[in-house]
Amino acid sequence: MSAAELTAIRLTAELAALTTVLLLIIGTPIAWWLARTRSRLKPLWLAVVAMPIVLPSSVLGFYLLLLMGPFGPVGRFTESVGLGRLPFTFGGLVVASVLYTMPFVIQPLQQAFEAVPERMLEAAATLRASPWDRFFSVALPLARPGFVTASVLGFAHTVGEFGVVLMIGGNIPGQTRVLSVAIYEHVEAGEFGAAHRLSAGMVAFALIVLVTLYVVNRAPREDTADTAGAR
């Protein structure tokens, strides 16, 4: 494996890890609000969160280029504060990845929070636990499987991104050339052996991710079944 390919793998892992951490920080309060709110606008917000699932990555990349470009509001702001332009930088890749991977993190978290029994939160409230205490001592521990699922899905989806990272980051060696772009470059150059080597690694990675998810999601159900049988 060449140095350029190792660099692409390292860059992809860094991008996926940073994107996942940021989405867990940003997505947790959003998922909690979506799970608890009774707002009439909830379907709209759910649609906004889920939009990257059905929206072509090229469309999202195009509008991000407009927003973060020299004439876009985000681009003008980043230049005014000395950050420069985000397109074709690692920072731009992070922003695009966070937006494009958002539903794969927020939706599992929301479902996990919705599965938290209301009676347990009410019981904590009767013991004079504050909303923060109820969230950190009751909701978070019970939603742990959802956090595992969200972390695995967020990381894996970022690793597999192509269209949006190509439009926002381009193909700059050592800066924005991630694994999926490296595979595309090998295919374009007719280097099918190198493309096969990297692609086979992606297939193995996807299989490991899916097996991990099935194992994690099956364990809580087995524990529940064992508890019910004991009763």
C-alpha atoms as a PDB file:
ATOM      1  CA  MET A   1       0.000   0.000   0.000  1.00  0.00           C
ATOM      2  CA  SER A   2       1.437   3.346  -1.063  1.00  0.00           C
ATOM      3  CA  ALA A   3       2.092   6.321   1.188  1.00  0.00           C
ATOM      4  CA  ALA A   4      -0.644   8.270  -0.589  1.00  0.00           C
ATOM      5  CA  GLU A   5      -3.184   5.533   0.155  1.00  0.00           C
ATOM      6  CA  LEU A   6      -2.147   5.376   3.808  1.00  0.00           C
ATOM      7  CA  THR A   7      -2.539   9.132   4.009  1.00  0.00           C
ATOM      8  CA  ALA A   8      -6.036   8.888   2.500  1.00  0.00           C
ATOM      9  CA  ILE A   9      -6.975   6.226   5.061  1.00  0.00           C
ATOM     10  CA  ARG A  10      -5.633   8.328   7.922  1.00  0.00           C
ATOM     11  CA  LEU A  11      -7.444  11.419   6.675  1.00  0.00           C
ATOM     12  CA  THR A  12     -10.681   9.456   6.303  1.00  0.00           C
ATOM     13  CA  ALA A  13     -10.417   8.088   9.855  1.00  0.00           C
ATOM     14  CA  GLU A  14      -9.743  11.569  11.247  1.00  0.00           C
ATOM     15  CA  LEU A  15     -12.682  13.023   9.340  1.00  0.00           C
ATOM     16  CA  ALA A  16     -15.042  10.247  10.443  1.00  0.00           C
ATOM     17  CA  ALA A  17     -13.964  10.436  14.091  1.00  0.00           C
ATOM     18  CA  LEU A  18     -14.266  14.223  14.287  1.00  0.00           C
ATOM     19  CA  THR A  19     -17.609  14.209  12.483  1.00  0.00           C
ATOM     20  CA  THR A  20     -18.986  11.547  14.823  1.00  0.00           C
ATOM     21  CA  VAL A  21     -17.865  13.364  17.968  1.00  0.00           C
ATOM     22  CA  LEU A  22     -19.318  16.683  16.779  1.00  0.00           C
ATOM     23  CA  LEU A  23     -22.612  15.050  15.819  1.00  0.00           C
ATOM     24  CA  LEU A  24     -22.922  13.334  19.195  1.00  0.00           C
ATOM     25  CA  ILE A  25     -22.393  16.681  20.904  1.00  0.00           C
ATOM     26  CA  ILE A  26     -24.723  18.611  18.601  1.00  0.00           C
ATOM     27  CA  GLY A  27     -27.210  15.834  17.943  1.00  0.00           C
ATOM     28  CA  THR A  28     -27.904  14.712  21.515  1.00  0.00           C
ATOM     29  CA  PRO A  29     -29.891  17.816  22.578  1.00  0.00           C
ATOM     30  CA  ILE A  30     -31.629  17.901  19.188  1.00  0.00           C
ATOM     31  CA  ALA A  31     -32.611  14.229  19.474  1.00  0.00           C
ATOM     32  CA  TRP A  32     -33.811  14.714  23.051  1.00  0.00           C
ATOM     33  CA  TRP A  33     -35.962  17.673  22.005  1.00  0.00           C
ATOM     34  CA  LEU A  34     -37.413  15.790  19.046  1.00  0.00           C
ATOM     35  CA  ALA A  35     -38.224  12.832  21.282  1.00  0.00           C
ATOM     36  CA  ARG A  36     -39.975  14.977  23.899  1.00  0.00           C
ATOM     37  CA  THR A  37     -41.572  17.837  21.985  1.00  0.00           C
ATOM     38  CA  ARG A  38     -45.266  18.023  21.138  1.00  0.00           C
ATOM     39  CA  SER A  39     -44.876  20.926  18.774  1.00  0.00           C
ATOM     40  CA  ARG A  40     -47.060  20.965  15.692  1.00  0.00           C
ATOM     41  CA  LEU A  41     -43.918  21.682  13.682  1.00  0.00           C
ATOM     42  CA  LYS A  42     -42.295  18.418  14.756  1.00  0.00           C
ATOM     43  CA  PRO A  43     -42.938  16.724  11.355  1.00  0.00           C
ATOM     44  CA  LEU A  44     -41.170  19.637   9.672  1.00  0.00           C
ATOM     45  CA  TRP A  45     -38.106  19.357  11.903  1.00  0.00           C
ATOM     46  CA  LEU A  46     -38.043  15.592  11.464  1.00  0.00           C
ATOM     47  CA  ALA A  47     -38.080  16.112   7.705  1.00  0.00           C
ATOM     48  CA  VAL A  48     -35.244  18.637   7.910  1.00  0.00           C
ATOM     49  CA  VAL A  49     -33.105  16.208   9.905  1.00  0.00           C
ATOM     50  CA  ALA A  50     -33.879  13.314   7.543  1.00  0.00           C
ATOM     51  CA  MET A  51     -33.439  15.317   4.323  1.00  0.00           C
ATOM     52  CA  PRO A  52     -29.815  14.245   3.664  1.00  0.00           C
ATOM     53  CA  ILE A  53     -31.049  10.660   3.375  1.00  0.00           C
ATOM     54  CA  VAL A  54     -33.084  11.394   0.251  1.00  0.00           C
ATOM     55  CA  LEU A  55     -31.257  14.466  -1.020  1.00  0.00           C
ATOM     56  CA  PRO A  56     -28.540  13.757  -3.622  1.00  0.00           C
ATOM     57  CA  SER A  57     -25.119  14.514  -2.197  1.00  0.00           C
ATOM     58  CA  SER A  58     -24.323  16.631  -5.247  1.00  0.00           C
ATOM     59  CA  VAL A  59     -27.257  18.918  -4.435  1.00  0.00           C
ATOM     60  CA  LEU A  60     -26.123  19.371  -0.849  1.00  0.00           C
ATOM     61  CA  GLY A  61     -22.551  19.919  -2.009  1.00  0.00           C
ATOM     62  CA  PHE A  62     -23.657  22.504  -4.550  1.00  0.00           C
ATOM     63  CA  TYR A  63     -25.545  24.612  -2.020  1.00  0.00           C
ATOM     64  CA  LEU A  64     -22.748  24.290   0.505  1.00  0.00           C
ATOM     65  CA  LEU A  65     -20.351  25.617  -2.103  1.00  0.00           C
ATOM     66  CA  LEU A  66     -22.633  28.605  -2.621  1.00  0.00           C
ATOM     67  CA  LEU A  67     -22.954  29.236   1.111  1.00  0.00           C
ATOM     68  CA  MET A  68     -19.270  28.792   1.932  1.00  0.00           C
ATOM     69  CA  GLY A  69     -17.901  30.396  -1.230  1.00  0.00           C
ATOM     70  CA  PRO A  70     -16.527  33.949  -1.439  1.00  0.00           C
ATOM     71  CA  PHE A  71     -19.969  35.423  -2.171  1.00  0.00           C
ATOM     72  CA  GLY A  72     -21.960  33.292   0.275  1.00  0.00           C
ATOM     73  CA  PRO A  73     -22.933  34.426   3.785  1.00  0.00           C
ATOM     74  CA  VAL A  74     -20.882  31.705   5.471  1.00  0.00           C
ATOM     75  CA  GLY A  75     -17.887  32.403   3.259  1.00  0.00           C
ATOM     76  CA  ARG A  76     -17.994  36.121   3.950  1.00  0.00           C
ATOM     77  CA  PHE A  77     -18.263  35.453   7.677  1.00  0.00           C
ATOM     78  CA  THR A  78     -15.334  33.011   7.807  1.00  0.00           C
ATOM     79  CA  GLU A  79     -13.180  35.415   5.825  1.00  0.00           C
ATOM     80  CA  SER A  80     -14.145  38.343   8.075  1.00  0.00           C
ATOM     81  CA  VAL A  81     -13.029  36.457  11.194  1.00  0.00           C
ATOM     82  CA  GLY A  82      -9.795  35.320   9.595  1.00  0.00           C
ATOM     83  CA  LEU A  83     -10.698  31.701   8.937  1.00  0.00           C
ATOM     84  CA  GLY A  84     -10.467  31.978   5.169  1.00  0.00           C
ATOM     85  CA  ARG A  85     -12.644  29.971   2.812  1.00  0.00           C
ATOM     86  CA  LEU A  86     -13.870  26.539   3.847  1.00  0.00           C
ATOM     87  CA  PRO A  87     -14.273  24.881   0.413  1.00  0.00           C
ATOM     88  CA  PHE A  88     -11.343  22.619  -0.537  1.00  0.00           C
ATOM     89  CA  THR A  89     -10.100  22.462   3.046  1.00  0.00           C
ATOM     90  CA  PHE A  90     -10.366  19.835   5.769  1.00  0.00           C
ATOM     91  CA  GLY A  91     -12.613  22.190   7.742  1.00  0.00           C
ATOM     92  CA  GLY A  92     -14.995  22.344   4.811  1.00  0.00           C
ATOM     93  CA  LEU A  93     -15.052  18.545   4.701  1.00  0.00           C
ATOM     94  CA  VAL A  94     -16.000  18.460   8.380  1.00  0.00           C
ATOM     95  CA  VAL A  95     -18.890  20.892   7.893  1.00  0.00           C
ATOM     96  CA  ALA A  96     -20.188  18.968   4.876  1.00  0.00           C
ATOM     97  CA  SER A  97     -19.828  15.616   6.636  1.00  0.00           C
ATOM     98  CA  VAL A  98     -21.659  16.814   9.740  1.00  0.00           C
ATOM     99  CA  LEU A  99     -24.617  17.974   7.665  1.00  0.00           C
ATOM    100  CA  TYR A 100     -24.683  14.930   5.391  1.00  0.00           C
ATOM    101  CA  THR A 101     -24.320  12.382   8.236  1.00  0.00           C
ATOM    102  CA  MET A 102     -26.703  14.161  10.612  1.00  0.00           C
ATOM    103  CA  PRO A 103     -29.731  11.810  10.260  1.00  0.00           C
ATOM    104  CA  PHE A 104     -27.592   8.708  10.807  1.00  0.00           C
ATOM    105  CA  VAL A 105     -26.705   9.978  14.281  1.00  0.00           C
ATOM    106  CA  ILE A 106     -29.769  11.948  15.357  1.00  0.00           C
ATOM    107  CA  GLN A 107     -32.393   9.377  14.358  1.00  0.00           C
ATOM    108  CA  PRO A 108     -30.944   6.490  16.436  1.00  0.00           C
ATOM    109  CA  LEU A 109     -30.550   8.851  19.391  1.00  0.00           C
ATOM    110  CA  GLN A 110     -34.130  10.063  19.028  1.00  0.00           C
ATOM    111  CA  GLN A 111     -35.459   6.509  18.897  1.00  0.00           C
ATOM    112  CA  ALA A 112     -33.432   5.584  21.966  1.00  0.00           C
ATOM    113  CA  PHE A 113     -34.787   8.566  23.914  1.00  0.00           C
ATOM    114  CA  GLU A 114     -38.336   7.776  22.831  1.00  0.00           C
ATOM    115  CA  ALA A 115     -37.909   4.257  24.247  1.00  0.00           C
ATOM    116  CA  VAL A 116     -37.058   5.587  27.710  1.00  0.00           C
ATOM    117  CA  PRO A 117     -40.078   4.752  29.940  1.00  0.00           C
ATOM    118  CA  GLU A 118     -41.882   7.885  30.986  1.00  0.00           C
ATOM    119  CA  ARG A 119     -42.643   6.385  34.386  1.00  0.00           C
ATOM    120  CA  MET A 120     -38.956   6.232  35.224  1.00  0.00           C
ATOM    121  CA  LEU A 121     -38.535   9.918  34.489  1.00  0.00           C
ATOM    122  CA  GLU A 122     -41.636  10.669  36.543  1.00  0.00           C
ATOM    123  CA  ALA A 123     -40.294   8.574  39.413  1.00  0.00           C
ATOM    124  CA  ALA A 124     -37.046  10.532  39.335  1.00  0.00           C
ATOM    125  CA  ALA A 125     -39.035  13.761  39.345  1.00  0.00           C
ATOM    126  CA  THR A 126     -40.932  12.666  42.475  1.00  0.00           C
ATOM    127  CA  LEU A 127     -37.546  12.229  44.142  1.00  0.00           C
ATOM    128  CA  ARG A 128     -36.873  15.892  43.385  1.00  0.00           C
ATOM    129  CA  ALA A 129     -34.401  15.195  40.606  1.00  0.00           C
ATOM    130  CA  SER A 130     -33.910  18.219  38.412  1.00  0.00           C
ATOM    131  CA  PRO A 131     -34.431  17.962  34.625  1.00  0.00           C
ATOM    132  CA  TRP A 132     -30.649  17.788  34.200  1.00  0.00           C
ATOM    133  CA  ASP A 133     -30.410  15.004  36.785  1.00  0.00           C
ATOM    134  CA  ARG A 134     -33.222  13.066  35.106  1.00  0.00           C
ATOM    135  CA  PHE A 135     -31.502  13.397  31.762  1.00  0.00           C
ATOM    136  CA  PHE A 136     -28.003  12.378  32.887  1.00  0.00           C
ATOM    137  CA  SER A 137     -28.921   9.770  35.514  1.00  0.00           C
ATOM    138  CA  VAL A 138     -31.951   8.148  33.839  1.00  0.00           C
ATOM    139  CA  ALA A 139     -32.277   8.955  30.147  1.00  0.00           C
ATOM    140  CA  LEU A 140     -28.627   8.716  29.092  1.00  0.00           C
ATOM    141  CA  PRO A 141     -27.905   5.310  30.694  1.00  0.00           C
ATOM    142  CA  LEU A 142     -31.087   3.813  29.245  1.00  0.00           C
ATOM    143  CA  ALA A 143     -30.289   5.236  25.805  1.00  0.00           C
ATOM    144  CA  ARG A 144     -26.770   3.794  25.741  1.00  0.00           C
ATOM    145  CA  PRO A 145     -27.493   1.286  22.919  1.00  0.00           C
ATOM    146  CA  GLY A 146     -28.753   4.176  20.801  1.00  0.00           C
ATOM    147  CA  PHE A 147     -25.494   6.040  21.348  1.00  0.00           C
ATOM    148  CA  VAL A 148     -23.513   2.994  20.269  1.00  0.00           C
ATOM    149  CA  THR A 149     -25.644   2.637  17.141  1.00  0.00           C
ATOM    150  CA  ALA A 150     -25.409   6.354  16.361  1.00  0.00           C
ATOM    151  CA  SER A 151     -21.629   6.343  16.798  1.00  0.00           C
ATOM    152  CA  VAL A 152     -21.092   3.320  14.563  1.00  0.00           C
ATOM    153  CA  LEU A 153     -23.475   4.544  11.867  1.00  0.00           C
ATOM    154  CA  GLY A 154     -22.093   8.076  11.941  1.00  0.00           C
ATOM    155  CA  PHE A 155     -18.509   6.900  11.621  1.00  0.00           C
ATOM    156  CA  ALA A 156     -19.291   4.369   8.890  1.00  0.00           C
ATOM    157  CA  HIS A 157     -21.417   6.750   6.846  1.00  0.00           C
ATOM    158  CA  THR A 158     -18.700   9.398   6.919  1.00  0.00           C
ATOM    159  CA  VAL A 159     -16.137   6.860   5.747  1.00  0.00           C
ATOM    160  CA  GLY A 160     -18.355   5.976   2.784  1.00  0.00           C
ATOM    161  CA  GLU A 161     -19.133   9.541   1.685  1.00  0.00           C
ATOM    162  CA  PHE A 162     -18.180  10.429  -1.864  1.00  0.00           C
ATOM    163  CA  GLY A 163     -20.244  13.029  -3.721  1.00  0.00           C
ATOM    164  CA  VAL A 164     -20.401  15.711  -1.073  1.00  0.00           C
ATOM    165  CA  VAL A 165     -16.732  15.370  -0.059  1.00  0.00           C
ATOM    166  CA  LEU A 166     -15.628  15.475  -3.688  1.00  0.00           C
ATOM    167  CA  MET A 167     -17.604  18.673  -4.349  1.00  0.00           C
ATOM    168  CA  ILE A 168     -16.558  20.429  -1.156  1.00  0.00           C
ATOM    169  CA  GLY A 169     -13.033  19.097  -0.733  1.00  0.00           C
ATOM    170  CA  GLY A 170     -11.943  18.225  -4.227  1.00  0.00           C
ATOM    171  CA  ASN A 171      -8.956  15.905  -4.528  1.00  0.00           C
ATOM    172  CA  ILE A 172      -6.016  17.549  -2.780  1.00  0.00           C
ATOM    173  CA  PRO A 173      -3.426  14.976  -1.614  1.00  0.00           C
ATOM    174  CA  GLY A 174      -2.841  15.035   2.114  1.00  0.00           C
ATOM    175  CA  GLN A 175      -5.616  17.577   2.710  1.00  0.00           C
ATOM    176  CA  THR A 176      -8.948  16.508   1.233  1.00  0.00           C
ATOM    177  CA  ARG A 177      -8.296  13.251  -0.648  1.00  0.00           C
ATOM    178  CA  VAL A 178     -10.266  10.771   1.439  1.00  0.00           C
ATOM    179  CA  LEU A 179     -10.571   7.043   0.810  1.00  0.00           C
ATOM    180  CA  SER A 180     -13.629   7.142  -1.448  1.00  0.00           C
ATOM    181  CA  VAL A 181     -12.040   9.835  -3.619  1.00  0.00           C
ATOM    182  CA  ALA A 182      -8.808   7.828  -3.791  1.00  0.00           C
ATOM    183  CA  ILE A 183     -10.752   4.819  -5.101  1.00  0.00           C
ATOM    184  CA  TYR A 184     -12.411   7.005  -7.724  1.00  0.00           C
ATOM    185  CA  GLU A 185      -9.038   8.393  -8.757  1.00  0.00           C
ATOM    186  CA  HIS A 186      -7.605   4.885  -9.185  1.00  0.00           C
ATOM    187  CA  VAL A 187     -10.554   3.848 -11.357  1.00  0.00           C
ATOM    188  CA  GLU A 188     -10.227   6.990 -13.481  1.00  0.00           C
ATOM    189  CA  ALA A 189      -6.544   6.214 -14.017  1.00  0.00           C
ATOM    190  CA  GLY A 190      -7.247   2.576 -14.902  1.00  0.00           C
ATOM    191  CA  GLU A 191      -5.452   1.338 -11.778  1.00  0.00           C
ATOM    192  CA  PHE A 192      -7.990  -1.365 -11.009  1.00  0.00           C
ATOM    193  CA  GLY A 193      -5.681  -3.374  -8.773  1.00  0.00           C
ATOM    194  CA  ALA A 194      -5.265  -0.462  -6.357  1.00  0.00           C
ATOM    195  CA  ALA A 195      -8.970   0.345  -6.587  1.00  0.00           C
ATOM    196  CA  HIS A 196      -9.832  -3.286  -5.823  1.00  0.00           C
ATOM    197  CA  ARG A 197      -7.511  -3.333  -2.807  1.00  0.00           C
ATOM    198  CA  LEU A 198      -9.081  -0.250  -1.251  1.00  0.00           C
ATOM    199  CA  SER A 199     -12.617  -1.281  -2.198  1.00  0.00           C
ATOM    200  CA  ALA A 200     -12.175  -4.727  -0.655  1.00  0.00           C
ATOM    201  CA  GLY A 201     -11.133  -3.024   2.556  1.00  0.00           C
ATOM    202  CA  MET A 202     -14.296  -0.913   2.448  1.00  0.00           C
ATOM    203  CA  VAL A 203     -16.418  -4.050   1.949  1.00  0.00           C
ATOM    204  CA  ALA A 204     -14.790  -5.709   4.965  1.00  0.00           C
ATOM    205  CA  PHE A 205     -15.290  -2.541   7.006  1.00  0.00           C
ATOM    206  CA  ALA A 206     -19.001  -2.403   6.064  1.00  0.00           C
ATOM    207  CA  LEU A 207     -19.457  -6.044   7.063  1.00  0.00           C
ATOM    208  CA  ILE A 208     -17.839  -5.436  10.449  1.00  0.00           C
ATOM    209  CA  VAL A 209     -20.073  -2.405  10.998  1.00  0.00           C
ATOM    210  CA  LEU A 210     -23.257  -4.329  10.213  1.00  0.00           C
ATOM    211  CA  VAL A 211     -22.305  -7.285  12.414  1.00  0.00           C
ATOM    212  CA  THR A 212     -21.496  -4.897  15.257  1.00  0.00           C
ATOM    213  CA  LEU A 213     -24.877  -3.198  14.942  1.00  0.00           C
ATOM    214  CA  TYR A 214     -26.755  -6.488  14.923  1.00  0.00           C
ATOM    215  CA  VAL A 215     -24.902  -7.708  17.999  1.00  0.00           C
ATOM    216  CA  VAL A 216     -25.438  -4.453  19.894  1.00  0.00           C
ATOM    217  CA  ASN A 217     -29.129  -4.237  19.005  1.00  0.00           C
ATOM    218  CA  ARG A 218     -29.781  -7.880  19.834  1.00  0.00           C
ATOM    219  CA  ALA A 219     -28.260  -7.767  23.296  1.00  0.00           C
ATOM    220  CA  PRO A 220     -30.896  -5.448  24.879  1.00  0.00           C
ATOM    221  CA  ARG A 221     -33.715  -7.560  23.439  1.00  0.00           C
ATOM    222  CA  GLU A 222     -32.186 -10.754  24.869  1.00  0.00           C
ATOM    223  CA  ASP A 223     -31.789  -9.103  28.274  1.00  0.00           C
ATOM    224  CA  THR A 224     -35.432  -8.017  28.153  1.00  0.00           C
ATOM    225  CA  ALA A 225     -36.556 -11.516  27.190  1.00  0.00           C
ATOM    226  CA  ASP A 226     -34.518 -13.092  30.005  1.00  0.00           C
ATOM    227  CA  THR A 227     -36.026 -10.662  32.505  1.00  0.00           C
ATOM    228  CA  ALA A 228     -39.530 -11.391  31.294  1.00  0.00           C
ATOM    229  CA  GLY A 229     -38.893 -15.160  31.492  1.00  0.00           C
ATOM    230  CA  ALA A 230     -37.620 -14.850  35.051  1.00  0.00           C
ATOM    231  CA  ARG A 231     -40.857 -13.142  36.034  1.00  0.00           C
END
